[in-house]
Amino acid sequence: MQTNAHNVKLRLFYLTLFFLMTFQGLSGQNIEDIQKGKANFSINSSISLTGGTYMHWGTSMGRNNPYIWNLNGTVSFSLFGIQFPFSFNLGPQQRGFTQPFNQYGVSPYWKWIKLHGGWRSMNFSPYVMQGMSFLGGGIELTPKNFRFGAFYGRINKATPNDTSRVYYPLSVFDRWAYGVKIGAGNSKNYFDVMVLKSRDDTTSKKTPGRPVLPGQDNLVAGIGAQVTFLKNVVFKLDVAASLLTNDVGSTLASPFSNSVNLGSFMKTNATTTLLFAGESSLGYQGRNFGLRFLYSRTDPNFTSHGIMYRQGDLESYTLEPRFSFWKGKIRFFGSIGAQHDNVNGNKAFTSWRTIGSANLSLNPVPQYGLDLNFSNYGLTQRAGTMALNDTFRIAQNNRTYGLTQRLSFNNKVRSINIMMNGTYQQLINLNRFFPANGSSDVIFGSVNFSYTHFKSNLSANVGASTTKTQFGTQQIFLIGPSLGFTVGFMKNKMNVNLGGSYNMSLTDGSITGNTTSANLGWNYRIDKTNTLMLMGYFLNNVLPGTLYDNITELRIM
């Protein structure tokens, strides 16, 4: 026992020492605080201890252990604006000592100068550099209307494949990158030019003799601009060109050798492709009216090593109107457009998708509100490099209608709210040879009533919902009520809450199952930071023919 206790203490000592020697930069740290000697030290923590029991009855096996306990907590120190987060979790089936991130970095700043070190990320544009983390260093300068950004670091770490798993990715190399962004302007008018260069280090393979993904070389250049004129008219542009070599080891001649010679700066060969992507918009934003047109196009297999993922082979056109009147009591927003793939005309078929939506909000008086929404998404195919047989042509239409109404009666004594919601979703197969395949209708409706009495700290709610699904000739119903209430005592230091619900399912008019659930809770606030709680959960599930066809559960925690 003494040896085990000694080992536990030793582990805690090492973990504490490790924690004190590491740091996590969640945001920029102001160097001025350090210069002025402002430590700005603070500590925040929370600890939760949970224990209880689990009981079950019925034909199925239990889903939990008979005894439940868990201890978890978080501690966060802040010094000179640098955050030190820490968390732990102890339970009968797991032991944990973690920090929220295992990537560390810091971004100190002073006035318009910001530095980045460790694991950081910088945003250039959605097509060049956005959302990709790197291990290295960077700088951002933003004096008045000038801006400059640059970085260098590793964005991919060489990893071996794992042959012990059924599915395992191939090994990858270290990937190093650097980039520069230069621009001028403000939030209304600006012009930016940016370049990203990255290459895989083919000498960094971790598992010699095993398959590995080919090394890549990538050069991306982009432009971002925005112009505001006539006060309310805005034109915005983001475009990029990516020169990508998919296999730096290929010895076949480059298709760009006669026109582009980048030497050792960029490895080009037969696997090199030049791809484009971009989007632009032109819009008017007035006080009560707005209209914007958007256009975007992405070449097939467009890739930038500075972005996580972007779906390629798409071209879309969208028109977005917006208006409001009657002092904002009536508001409307909508969009309509079209989208298609096969932008280069190389596929056998071209799939077209119509996009449309409309949202109308009516608030004639403070006590009443009405929201109407409609969306329509259609998908169809056209002939590309091959003739398209109508028998197998994909043609679908997905429509959704929604209605929400709100009634509120509030004063200083009580609050009453009634909400009614209805949704109708329809998926239509437009193929004239197989009209029934894939078609479905879903109708959902709910009504909820809530009441709160402020002086007595009493609140109650009751509601009901139903869902009807029609798929081919089969019809499925889900229906059931729910209720709950909460009451506070001792100036709301102690609370008791009770809730319950019942749901019944029917298939083609026959009852196929039901679920009854209830919960009872008690909590007492000792002071501003400590609370005692006791909760009970009851569940009775009857679904014949399933894994848990008849089971009753009780949890007390």
Foldseek 3Di string as FASTA:
>chain_A
DVVVVVVVVVVVVVLVVVLVVAFAAPDAFECVCVVVVNFPKDKDKAKDKDWWAKDKDDDFDDDDDGIWIKIKMKMWIATSNTIRIWMWIDIPVDGDTDGPDPWHKYWYDYDQKIKIATWDADDDDQQAADDQIWHFMKIWGDDPFWIKIKTKGWRDDFDDWDPVDPDTDHTEFTKIKMKMKIKGDDPAWIKMKMKMWMWGDPVRHDDPPTGHFAIKTKIKIKMWTWHDPPNFKIKTKIKMKMWMQRHLPDPAAFPCVVPDDPDPRTRGHPRIDIWMWMKMKIKGDDPFKIKMKIWIAGACPRDHPNHDDDHHQKIKIKIWIWGADPVRQKIKIKMWIKMWGCPVLPDQKIKMKIWIKMWIKGHPDVFKIKIKMKIKIWIWIDGGPHHDDLQPTWTKMKMKIKIKMKGWDDDPFKIKIKIKIKMKIWMFTPRPNCGQPPTKIKIKIKMKIKMAGPVFRKIKMKMKMKMWMDRRPKIKIKIKIKMKMKTAPPNRQKMKMKIWMKIWMDIPRHTQWIKIKMKIKIKGHPDPRDMDIKMKIWMFIAGPPDSCRTMIMMIID
